[in-house]
Amino acid sequence: MCRAQDRYPSGMSAVPRSEKAGKAGKAAKPSGRFRRMLDRLSSSQEDLESQELREDAQATGCTRISECSDRQIVKVAGTLRTVTLRPRAGVPALEAELFDGTEPLDVVWLGRRSIVGIEPGRRIIASGRVAMSHGRRVLFNPTYELRPLGKE
């Protein structure tokens, strides 16, 4: 059997440097202040907003939407991306998509045509039992708290 040392006698290796660094216990990417600033400058606006939403959800003590499972009672925080009026079984229903930086969650208020303050771009904290509908997480008639507009 031929070993890598036999094929590369000059000390060269078939393993890339980045993998060697990871195996040696060192981070493959430097994590200094300059690196964080550079990553922030090179990130897209959507990535930055998602990171901010994840941090906000963690700061409020809420569960991440990606960690929510079916039939679990949760408290989630995020921004409403869309708000639409869509009838369900002949009953009016106000539907909104809540995004916390990890995954979207559908929030549905049955029997409501509108709710003051529920509009796209608004940050809310919602609580209730998660259900799965057509492969998506849904909160039906959650209790909610509107977050202040603008910077806090």
N, C-alpha and C. Protein backbone atom coordinates (compact mmCIF):
# COMPACT_ATOMS: atom_id res chain seq x y z
N MET A 1 0.84 -1.17 0.00
CA MET A 1 0.00 0.00 0.00
C MET A 1 0.89 1.24 0.00
N CYS A 2 0.56 2.20 -0.82
CA CYS A 2 1.35 3.42 -0.98
C CYS A 2 0.82 4.50 -0.05
N ARG A 3 1.66 5.06 0.80
CA ARG A 3 1.26 6.13 1.71
C ARG A 3 1.55 7.48 1.07
N ALA A 4 0.88 8.53 1.59
CA ALA A 4 1.08 9.88 1.06
C ALA A 4 2.53 10.31 1.23
N GLN A 5 3.19 9.86 2.31
CA GLN A 5 4.58 10.24 2.54
C GLN A 5 5.48 9.67 1.45
N ASP A 6 5.14 8.46 0.95
CA ASP A 6 5.94 7.85 -0.11
C ASP A 6 5.76 8.59 -1.43
N ARG A 7 4.52 9.06 -1.69
CA ARG A 7 4.27 9.76 -2.95
C ARG A 7 4.81 11.18 -2.96
N TYR A 8 4.85 11.82 -1.79
CA TYR A 8 5.30 13.19 -1.68
C TYR A 8 6.48 13.26 -0.72
N PRO A 9 7.66 12.86 -1.19
CA PRO A 9 8.82 12.78 -0.29
C PRO A 9 9.31 14.14 0.21
N SER A 10 8.97 15.23 -0.44
CA SER A 10 9.49 16.54 -0.03
C SER A 10 8.69 17.16 1.10
N GLY A 11 7.80 16.39 1.73
CA GLY A 11 7.02 16.93 2.84
C GLY A 11 5.67 17.47 2.40
N MET A 12 5.40 17.40 1.09
CA MET A 12 4.10 17.86 0.60
C MET A 12 3.04 16.85 1.02
N SER A 13 1.82 17.29 1.06
CA SER A 13 0.73 16.43 1.49
C SER A 13 -0.42 16.53 0.50
N ALA A 14 -1.22 15.49 0.45
CA ALA A 14 -2.39 15.50 -0.41
C ALA A 14 -3.57 16.19 0.28
N VAL A 15 -3.41 16.52 1.56
CA VAL A 15 -4.47 17.17 2.33
C VAL A 15 -4.31 18.69 2.21
N PRO A 16 -5.37 19.41 1.78
CA PRO A 16 -5.27 20.87 1.67
C PRO A 16 -4.96 21.52 3.01
N ARG A 17 -4.33 22.70 2.98
CA ARG A 17 -3.94 23.41 4.19
C ARG A 17 -5.13 23.72 5.09
N SER A 18 -6.26 24.10 4.50
CA SER A 18 -7.42 24.47 5.31
C SER A 18 -7.90 23.29 6.15
N GLU A 19 -7.82 22.07 5.60
CA GLU A 19 -8.23 20.89 6.36
C GLU A 19 -7.21 20.59 7.45
N LYS A 20 -5.91 20.82 7.16
CA LYS A 20 -4.87 20.60 8.18
C LYS A 20 -5.11 21.54 9.35
N ALA A 21 -5.43 22.80 9.07
CA ALA A 21 -5.65 23.78 10.13
C ALA A 21 -6.84 23.38 10.98
N GLY A 22 -7.91 22.88 10.35
CA GLY A 22 -9.09 22.46 11.09
C GLY A 22 -8.80 21.26 11.97
N LYS A 23 -7.95 20.33 11.50
CA LYS A 23 -7.61 19.14 12.27
C LYS A 23 -6.71 19.49 13.45
N ALA A 24 -5.90 20.53 13.30
CA ALA A 24 -4.97 20.90 14.36
C ALA A 24 -5.67 21.66 15.48
N GLY A 25 -7.00 21.89 15.35
CA GLY A 25 -7.74 22.58 16.39
C GLY A 25 -7.82 24.08 16.18
N LYS A 26 -7.21 24.57 15.14
CA LYS A 26 -7.25 25.99 14.85
C LYS A 26 -8.45 26.27 13.95
N ALA A 27 -9.01 27.46 14.06
CA ALA A 27 -10.11 27.85 13.18
C ALA A 27 -9.56 28.08 11.79
N ALA A 28 -10.29 27.66 10.79
CA ALA A 28 -9.86 27.83 9.41
C ALA A 28 -9.91 29.29 9.01
N LYS A 29 -10.77 30.08 9.70
CA LYS A 29 -10.93 31.49 9.36
C LYS A 29 -10.56 32.33 10.59
N PRO A 30 -9.69 33.33 10.44
CA PRO A 30 -9.36 34.17 11.59
C PRO A 30 -10.62 34.86 12.12
N SER A 31 -10.68 35.07 13.42
CA SER A 31 -11.89 35.64 14.00
C SER A 31 -11.62 36.96 14.71
N GLY A 32 -10.68 37.71 14.22
CA GLY A 32 -10.35 39.00 14.83
C GLY A 32 -11.33 40.08 14.44
N ARG A 33 -11.12 41.25 15.00
CA ARG A 33 -12.00 42.39 14.75
C ARG A 33 -11.98 42.77 13.26
N PHE A 34 -10.81 42.77 12.65
CA PHE A 34 -10.70 43.12 11.24
C PHE A 34 -11.48 42.12 10.37
N ARG A 35 -11.37 40.82 10.69
CA ARG A 35 -12.08 39.78 9.92
C ARG A 35 -13.59 39.97 10.03
N ARG A 36 -14.08 40.26 11.24
CA ARG A 36 -15.52 40.47 11.42
C ARG A 36 -15.99 41.68 10.63
N MET A 37 -15.18 42.76 10.64
CA MET A 37 -15.54 43.95 9.89
C MET A 37 -15.55 43.65 8.39
N LEU A 38 -14.56 42.92 7.93
CA LEU A 38 -14.48 42.56 6.52
C LEU A 38 -15.66 41.67 6.12
N ASP A 39 -16.02 40.70 6.97
CA ASP A 39 -17.18 39.84 6.69
C ASP A 39 -18.45 40.66 6.62
N ARG A 40 -18.59 41.63 7.51
CA ARG A 40 -19.78 42.46 7.54
C ARG A 40 -19.88 43.31 6.27
N LEU A 41 -18.76 43.83 5.82
CA LEU A 41 -18.75 44.65 4.60
C LEU A 41 -19.04 43.82 3.35
N SER A 42 -18.61 42.56 3.37
CA SER A 42 -18.79 41.74 2.18
C SER A 42 -20.11 40.95 2.20
N SER A 43 -20.87 41.02 3.30
CA SER A 43 -22.14 40.31 3.39
C SER A 43 -23.23 41.09 2.67
N SER A 44 -24.24 40.36 2.20
CA SER A 44 -25.36 41.02 1.54
C SER A 44 -26.28 41.63 2.59
N GLN A 45 -27.12 42.55 2.17
CA GLN A 45 -28.06 43.20 3.09
C GLN A 45 -28.99 42.18 3.73
N GLU A 46 -29.42 41.18 2.96
CA GLU A 46 -30.31 40.15 3.48
C GLU A 46 -29.63 39.33 4.58
N ASP A 47 -28.35 39.01 4.40
CA ASP A 47 -27.61 38.27 5.42
C ASP A 47 -27.49 39.08 6.70
N LEU A 48 -27.23 40.37 6.56
CA LEU A 48 -27.10 41.23 7.74
C LEU A 48 -28.42 41.34 8.49
N GLU A 49 -29.53 41.48 7.75
CA GLU A 49 -30.84 41.57 8.39
C GLU A 49 -31.19 40.26 9.08
N SER A 50 -30.86 39.13 8.46
CA SER A 50 -31.13 37.82 9.07
C SER A 50 -30.34 37.67 10.37
N GLN A 51 -29.08 38.08 10.36
CA GLN A 51 -28.25 38.01 11.56
C GLN A 51 -28.84 38.88 12.66
N GLU A 52 -29.28 40.07 12.31
CA GLU A 52 -29.88 40.98 13.29
C GLU A 52 -31.16 40.38 13.88
N LEU A 53 -31.98 39.75 13.04
CA LEU A 53 -33.21 39.12 13.52
C LEU A 53 -32.91 37.95 14.45
N ARG A 54 -31.90 37.14 14.12
CA ARG A 54 -31.51 36.01 14.99
C ARG A 54 -31.05 36.52 16.36
N GLU A 55 -30.26 37.59 16.35
CA GLU A 55 -29.77 38.16 17.61
C GLU A 55 -30.92 38.74 18.43
N ASP A 56 -31.88 39.39 17.77
CA ASP A 56 -33.03 39.97 18.46
C ASP A 56 -33.89 38.88 19.10
N ALA A 57 -34.12 37.79 18.36
CA ALA A 57 -34.91 36.68 18.90
C ALA A 57 -34.22 36.06 20.11
N GLN A 58 -32.92 35.93 20.05
CA GLN A 58 -32.16 35.36 21.17
C GLN A 58 -32.20 36.31 22.37
N ALA A 59 -32.10 37.61 22.13
CA ALA A 59 -32.10 38.60 23.21
C ALA A 59 -33.44 38.64 23.94
N THR A 60 -34.54 38.37 23.23
CA THR A 60 -35.86 38.40 23.86
C THR A 60 -36.22 37.06 24.50
N GLY A 61 -35.33 36.07 24.39
CA GLY A 61 -35.57 34.78 25.02
C GLY A 61 -36.57 33.91 24.26
N CYS A 62 -36.69 34.14 22.97
CA CYS A 62 -37.64 33.39 22.15
C CYS A 62 -36.98 32.18 21.50
N THR A 63 -37.81 31.24 21.08
CA THR A 63 -37.36 30.05 20.38
C THR A 63 -37.12 30.40 18.91
N ARG A 64 -36.08 29.86 18.33
CA ARG A 64 -35.86 30.05 16.90
C ARG A 64 -36.90 29.23 16.13
N ILE A 65 -37.40 29.78 15.05
CA ILE A 65 -38.42 29.10 14.26
C ILE A 65 -37.89 27.78 13.72
N SER A 66 -36.62 27.74 13.35
CA SER A 66 -36.05 26.50 12.81
C SER A 66 -36.02 25.39 13.84
N GLU A 67 -36.09 25.72 15.13
CA GLU A 67 -36.06 24.72 16.20
C GLU A 67 -37.45 24.30 16.66
N CYS A 68 -38.50 24.93 16.12
CA CYS A 68 -39.87 24.62 16.50
C CYS A 68 -40.31 23.31 15.86
N SER A 69 -40.96 22.46 16.64
CA SER A 69 -41.47 21.21 16.09
C SER A 69 -43.00 21.20 16.18
N ASP A 70 -43.60 20.27 15.48
CA ASP A 70 -45.05 20.16 15.42
C ASP A 70 -45.64 19.96 16.81
N ARG A 71 -46.74 20.68 17.10
CA ARG A 71 -47.50 20.58 18.35
C ARG A 71 -46.77 21.14 19.56
N GLN A 72 -45.71 21.88 19.36
CA GLN A 72 -44.95 22.47 20.45
C GLN A 72 -45.49 23.88 20.75
N ILE A 73 -45.61 24.22 22.02
CA ILE A 73 -46.00 25.58 22.40
C ILE A 73 -44.74 26.42 22.42
N VAL A 74 -44.75 27.53 21.66
CA VAL A 74 -43.54 28.33 21.49
C VAL A 74 -43.83 29.82 21.63
N LYS A 75 -42.75 30.56 21.81
CA LYS A 75 -42.76 32.01 21.78
C LYS A 75 -41.68 32.40 20.78
N VAL A 76 -42.07 33.04 19.68
CA VAL A 76 -41.13 33.39 18.62
C VAL A 76 -41.17 34.90 18.36
N ALA A 77 -40.07 35.43 17.86
CA ALA A 77 -39.98 36.85 17.54
C ALA A 77 -39.42 36.99 16.13
N GLY A 78 -39.87 38.01 15.42
CA GLY A 78 -39.36 38.23 14.08
C GLY A 78 -40.06 39.40 13.41
N THR A 79 -39.85 39.50 12.11
CA THR A 79 -40.43 40.56 11.30
C THR A 79 -41.47 39.97 10.37
N LEU A 80 -42.59 40.66 10.21
CA LEU A 80 -43.63 40.22 9.28
C LEU A 80 -43.18 40.59 7.87
N ARG A 81 -43.04 39.58 7.03
CA ARG A 81 -42.64 39.83 5.64
C ARG A 81 -43.85 40.18 4.78
N THR A 82 -44.91 39.41 4.90
CA THR A 82 -46.11 39.64 4.10
C THR A 82 -47.33 39.54 5.00
N VAL A 83 -48.38 40.27 4.64
CA VAL A 83 -49.67 40.18 5.32
C VAL A 83 -50.74 40.14 4.24
N THR A 84 -51.57 39.09 4.24
CA THR A 84 -52.61 38.94 3.22
C THR A 84 -53.92 38.50 3.85
N LEU A 85 -55.03 38.86 3.21
CA LEU A 85 -56.35 38.40 3.60
C LEU A 85 -56.69 37.23 2.69
N ARG A 86 -56.86 36.05 3.27
CA ARG A 86 -57.11 34.86 2.48
C ARG A 86 -58.17 34.03 3.20
N PRO A 87 -59.35 33.85 2.59
CA PRO A 87 -60.39 33.06 3.25
C PRO A 87 -59.98 31.59 3.40
N ARG A 88 -60.35 31.00 4.53
CA ARG A 88 -60.13 29.57 4.80
C ARG A 88 -61.48 28.96 5.10
N ALA A 89 -61.92 28.05 4.27
CA ALA A 89 -63.21 27.36 4.44
C ALA A 89 -64.36 28.37 4.57
N GLY A 90 -64.32 29.43 3.77
CA GLY A 90 -65.38 30.43 3.77
C GLY A 90 -65.31 31.44 4.90
N VAL A 91 -64.31 31.34 5.75
CA VAL A 91 -64.14 32.26 6.88
C VAL A 91 -62.96 33.18 6.56
N PRO A 92 -63.11 34.49 6.80
CA PRO A 92 -61.96 35.36 6.54
C PRO A 92 -60.80 34.99 7.46
N ALA A 93 -59.60 35.11 6.93
CA ALA A 93 -58.39 34.80 7.71
C ALA A 93 -57.29 35.77 7.31
N LEU A 94 -56.69 36.38 8.31
CA LEU A 94 -55.55 37.27 8.07
C LEU A 94 -54.30 36.43 8.24
N GLU A 95 -53.51 36.32 7.17
CA GLU A 95 -52.29 35.51 7.18
C GLU A 95 -51.07 36.41 7.06
N ALA A 96 -50.05 36.09 7.83
CA ALA A 96 -48.79 36.83 7.78
C ALA A 96 -47.65 35.84 7.81
N GLU A 97 -46.56 36.20 7.17
CA GLU A 97 -45.35 35.37 7.22
C GLU A 97 -44.36 36.05 8.15
N LEU A 98 -44.01 35.35 9.23
CA LEU A 98 -43.07 35.84 10.22
C LEU A 98 -41.71 35.22 9.94
N PHE A 99 -40.65 36.05 9.94
CA PHE A 99 -39.30 35.56 9.66
C PHE A 99 -38.38 36.01 10.77
N ASP A 100 -37.62 35.07 11.34
CA ASP A 100 -36.72 35.39 12.45
C ASP A 100 -35.25 35.26 12.09
N GLY A 101 -34.94 35.13 10.82
CA GLY A 101 -33.55 34.99 10.40
C GLY A 101 -33.16 33.55 10.15
N THR A 102 -33.99 32.59 10.60
CA THR A 102 -33.68 31.18 10.36
C THR A 102 -34.64 30.59 9.33
N GLU A 103 -35.93 30.64 9.60
CA GLU A 103 -36.95 30.10 8.70
C GLU A 103 -38.23 30.90 8.82
N PRO A 104 -39.11 30.82 7.82
CA PRO A 104 -40.40 31.52 7.93
C PRO A 104 -41.42 30.69 8.72
N LEU A 105 -42.41 31.39 9.27
CA LEU A 105 -43.50 30.79 10.00
C LEU A 105 -44.77 31.52 9.59
N ASP A 106 -45.81 30.78 9.24
CA ASP A 106 -47.09 31.40 8.88
C ASP A 106 -47.87 31.66 10.16
N VAL A 107 -48.37 32.88 10.30
CA VAL A 107 -49.20 33.26 11.45
C VAL A 107 -50.58 33.57 10.89
N VAL A 108 -51.62 32.90 11.43
CA VAL A 108 -52.97 33.03 10.88
C VAL A 108 -53.94 33.41 12.00
N TRP A 109 -54.68 34.50 11.76
CA TRP A 109 -55.75 34.89 12.66
C TRP A 109 -57.06 34.59 11.94
N LEU A 110 -57.79 33.59 12.41
CA LEU A 110 -59.05 33.20 11.78
C LEU A 110 -60.16 34.17 12.18
N GLY A 111 -61.05 34.48 11.22
CA GLY A 111 -62.17 35.36 11.49
C GLY A 111 -61.82 36.83 11.52
N ARG A 112 -60.61 37.18 11.13
CA ARG A 112 -60.18 38.58 11.14
C ARG A 112 -59.88 39.04 9.72
N ARG A 113 -60.34 40.24 9.41
CA ARG A 113 -60.03 40.83 8.11
C ARG A 113 -58.81 41.73 8.21
N SER A 114 -58.60 42.33 9.35
CA SER A 114 -57.43 43.17 9.57
C SER A 114 -57.20 43.30 11.07
N ILE A 115 -55.98 43.63 11.44
CA ILE A 115 -55.61 43.90 12.82
C ILE A 115 -54.71 45.13 12.79
N VAL A 116 -55.06 46.12 13.58
CA VAL A 116 -54.28 47.35 13.63
C VAL A 116 -52.85 47.02 14.07
N GLY A 117 -51.88 47.49 13.31
CA GLY A 117 -50.47 47.27 13.64
C GLY A 117 -49.85 46.06 12.95
N ILE A 118 -50.68 45.15 12.46
CA ILE A 118 -50.15 43.98 11.75
C ILE A 118 -49.98 44.38 10.29
N GLU A 119 -48.73 44.64 9.93
CA GLU A 119 -48.40 45.12 8.58
C GLU A 119 -46.99 44.66 8.23
N PRO A 120 -46.68 44.55 6.95
CA PRO A 120 -45.34 44.12 6.55
C PRO A 120 -44.26 45.04 7.12
N GLY A 121 -43.17 44.42 7.59
CA GLY A 121 -42.06 45.18 8.15
C GLY A 121 -42.14 45.36 9.65
N ARG A 122 -43.27 45.01 10.25
CA ARG A 122 -43.46 45.19 11.69
C ARG A 122 -42.85 44.02 12.45
N ARG A 123 -42.17 44.31 13.54
CA ARG A 123 -41.61 43.25 14.39
C ARG A 123 -42.62 42.89 15.46
N ILE A 124 -42.79 41.58 15.67
CA ILE A 124 -43.71 41.11 16.69
C ILE A 124 -43.12 39.93 17.46
N ILE A 125 -43.70 39.66 18.61
CA ILE A 125 -43.44 38.44 19.37
C ILE A 125 -44.77 37.71 19.39
N ALA A 126 -44.80 36.46 18.96
CA ALA A 126 -46.03 35.67 18.90
C ALA A 126 -45.87 34.39 19.71
N SER A 127 -46.95 33.98 20.37
CA SER A 127 -46.93 32.76 21.17
C SER A 127 -48.13 31.89 20.81
N GLY A 128 -47.91 30.60 20.82
CA GLY A 128 -49.00 29.66 20.54
C GLY A 128 -48.45 28.28 20.26
N ARG A 129 -49.31 27.42 19.76
CA ARG A 129 -48.93 26.04 19.44
C ARG A 129 -48.66 25.94 17.94
N VAL A 130 -47.50 25.42 17.61
CA VAL A 130 -47.11 25.26 16.21
C VAL A 130 -47.83 24.06 15.60
N ALA A 131 -48.33 24.25 14.40
CA ALA A 131 -48.94 23.16 13.63
C ALA A 131 -48.22 23.09 12.29
N MET A 132 -48.24 21.92 11.68
CA MET A 132 -47.66 21.77 10.34
C MET A 132 -48.80 21.70 9.34
N SER A 133 -48.74 22.54 8.32
CA SER A 133 -49.76 22.56 7.28
C SER A 133 -49.07 22.67 5.93
N HIS A 134 -49.23 21.66 5.12
CA HIS A 134 -48.61 21.62 3.79
C HIS A 134 -47.10 21.79 3.87
N GLY A 135 -46.48 21.20 4.89
CA GLY A 135 -45.03 21.24 5.03
C GLY A 135 -44.48 22.53 5.61
N ARG A 136 -45.34 23.44 6.06
CA ARG A 136 -44.90 24.72 6.65
C ARG A 136 -45.38 24.82 8.09
N ARG A 137 -44.60 25.51 8.90
CA ARG A 137 -45.00 25.75 10.29
C ARG A 137 -46.05 26.86 10.33
N VAL A 138 -47.09 26.68 11.16
CA VAL A 138 -48.18 27.65 11.24
C VAL A 138 -48.56 27.86 12.71
N LEU A 139 -48.83 29.11 13.07
CA LEU A 139 -49.41 29.45 14.37
C LEU A 139 -50.82 29.98 14.10
N PHE A 140 -51.84 29.31 14.63
CA PHE A 140 -53.22 29.77 14.45
C PHE A 140 -53.62 30.58 15.68
N ASN A 141 -54.21 31.75 15.45
CA ASN A 141 -54.71 32.65 16.49
C ASN A 141 -53.74 32.82 17.65
N PRO A 142 -52.50 33.24 17.37
CA PRO A 142 -51.52 33.38 18.45
C PRO A 142 -51.79 34.63 19.29
N THR A 143 -51.28 34.62 20.50
CA THR A 143 -51.20 35.87 21.25
C THR A 143 -49.96 36.57 20.70
N TYR A 144 -50.00 37.88 20.66
CA TYR A 144 -48.87 38.59 20.04
C TYR A 144 -48.61 39.90 20.77
N GLU A 145 -47.41 40.38 20.58
CA GLU A 145 -46.98 41.66 21.14
C GLU A 145 -46.30 42.42 20.02
N LEU A 146 -46.77 43.63 19.75
CA LEU A 146 -46.14 44.46 18.73
C LEU A 146 -44.89 45.08 19.31
N ARG A 147 -43.81 45.04 18.57
CA ARG A 147 -42.54 45.66 18.98
C ARG A 147 -42.53 47.10 18.49
N PRO A 148 -41.81 47.98 19.16
CA PRO A 148 -41.76 49.39 18.75
C PRO A 148 -41.19 49.54 17.34
N LEU A 149 -41.68 50.55 16.65
CA LEU A 149 -41.18 50.84 15.31
C LEU A 149 -39.84 51.55 15.42
N GLY A 150 -38.98 51.34 14.42
CA GLY A 150 -37.68 52.02 14.38
C GLY A 150 -36.71 51.42 15.36
N LYS A 151 -35.63 52.13 15.61
CA LYS A 151 -34.58 51.69 16.53
C LYS A 151 -35.04 51.92 17.96
N GLU A 152 -34.68 50.95 18.81
CA GLU A 152 -35.07 51.04 20.22
C GLU A 152 -34.02 51.71 21.04
